[in-house]
Amino acid sequence: MKKSFKQGLILGGVVTLSALAIKRYQQSCSKDQSISHTAELDQRPSVDAKTDETEVGLTQLDSIQRADWQANGFPQTHAELERLEKEEDQ
């Protein structure tokens, strides 16, 4: 084998290993950031609390989860849940 082919093969291996190492590092950082980001959202008050009565007292994380529940049609209160259960029984 030629010397330049061997050098290219070694260089390609080093680049591949470097890319894999960088990818793993970024994945580990993104997991840590998502956890800390969620913790931060659970500390800050809801952005819509000034304009929406139902958002008063909620954190940003609560507000996001509430919006998700509304979008998927989940009942918001125990009374609403009980009413839906009674309708199903009839």
Protein backbone atom coordinates (compact mmCIF):
# COMPACT_ATOMS: atom_id res chain seq x y z
CA MET A 1 0.00 0.00 0.00
CA LYS A 2 1.10 3.48 -0.69
CA LYS A 3 2.10 5.76 2.13
CA SER A 4 -0.52 8.40 1.19
CA PHE A 5 -3.32 5.76 1.24
CA LYS A 6 -2.32 4.67 4.74
CA GLN A 7 -2.22 8.26 5.91
CA GLY A 8 -5.66 8.91 4.41
CA LEU A 9 -7.05 5.80 6.09
CA ILE A 10 -5.65 6.83 9.48
CA LEU A 11 -6.88 10.40 9.05
CA GLY A 12 -10.36 9.14 8.10
CA GLY A 13 -10.45 6.96 11.23
CA VAL A 14 -9.44 9.87 13.44
CA VAL A 15 -12.11 12.10 11.89
CA THR A 16 -14.77 9.40 12.36
CA LEU A 17 -13.84 8.84 15.99
CA SER A 18 -13.82 12.59 16.61
CA ALA A 19 -17.27 12.96 15.06
CA LEU A 20 -18.64 10.14 17.24
CA ALA A 21 -17.11 11.67 20.36
CA ILE A 22 -18.58 15.09 19.56
CA LYS A 23 -22.01 13.54 18.90
CA ARG A 24 -22.01 11.72 22.26
CA TYR A 25 -20.90 14.87 24.06
CA GLN A 26 -23.72 16.89 22.48
CA GLN A 27 -26.28 14.22 23.40
CA SER A 28 -25.15 14.20 27.01
CA CYS A 29 -25.30 18.00 27.16
CA SER A 30 -28.76 18.14 25.63
CA LYS A 31 -30.13 15.73 28.28
CA ASP A 32 -28.70 17.84 31.09
CA GLN A 33 -30.03 21.05 29.55
CA SER A 34 -33.53 19.66 29.04
CA ILE A 35 -33.74 18.67 32.70
CA SER A 36 -32.47 22.03 33.91
CA HIS A 37 -34.70 23.82 31.39
CA THR A 38 -37.75 21.98 32.76
CA ALA A 39 -36.73 22.90 36.30
CA GLU A 40 -36.45 26.56 35.28
CA LEU A 41 -39.88 26.49 33.66
CA ASP A 42 -41.34 25.04 36.85
CA GLN A 43 -40.05 28.04 38.81
CA ARG A 44 -41.20 30.91 36.56
CA PRO A 45 -44.81 32.14 36.67
CA SER A 46 -47.02 31.62 33.64
CA VAL A 47 -46.65 34.22 30.91
CA ASP A 48 -50.42 34.34 30.35
CA ALA A 49 -51.31 34.89 34.04
CA LYS A 50 -51.94 38.61 33.42
CA THR A 51 -54.44 38.00 30.62
CA ASP A 52 -56.06 34.66 31.52
CA GLU A 53 -57.70 34.01 34.90
CA THR A 54 -57.16 30.26 34.63
CA GLU A 55 -53.39 30.78 34.36
CA VAL A 56 -53.07 32.68 37.66
CA GLY A 57 -50.88 30.72 40.08
CA LEU A 58 -49.53 28.38 37.43
CA THR A 59 -45.89 28.04 36.46
CA GLN A 60 -44.79 28.04 32.82
CA LEU A 61 -44.44 24.25 32.93
CA ASP A 62 -47.97 23.91 34.34
CA SER A 63 -49.24 26.22 31.62
CA ILE A 64 -47.61 24.12 28.90
CA GLN A 65 -49.09 20.93 30.34
CA ARG A 66 -52.52 22.55 30.70
CA ALA A 67 -52.44 23.65 27.06
CA ASP A 68 -51.52 20.10 26.06
CA TRP A 69 -54.43 18.69 28.07
CA GLN A 70 -56.84 21.17 26.49
CA ALA A 71 -55.60 20.35 23.01
CA ASN A 72 -56.18 16.65 23.64
CA GLY A 73 -59.59 17.15 25.27
CA PHE A 74 -58.78 15.96 28.80
CA PRO A 75 -61.17 17.16 31.53
CA GLN A 76 -59.80 20.09 33.52
CA THR A 77 -61.60 19.66 36.84
CA HIS A 78 -62.82 16.82 39.05
CA ALA A 79 -66.40 18.00 38.52
CA GLU A 80 -66.01 17.80 34.75
CA LEU A 81 -64.42 14.35 35.07
CA GLU A 82 -67.31 13.12 37.25
CA ARG A 83 -69.86 14.54 34.78
CA LEU A 84 -68.17 12.71 31.90
CA GLU A 85 -68.15 9.46 33.89
CA LYS A 86 -71.87 9.81 34.64
CA GLU A 87 -72.57 10.39 30.94
CA GLU A 88 -70.66 7.23 30.06
CA ASP A 89 -72.65 5.16 32.58
CA GLN A 90 -75.99 6.24 31.10
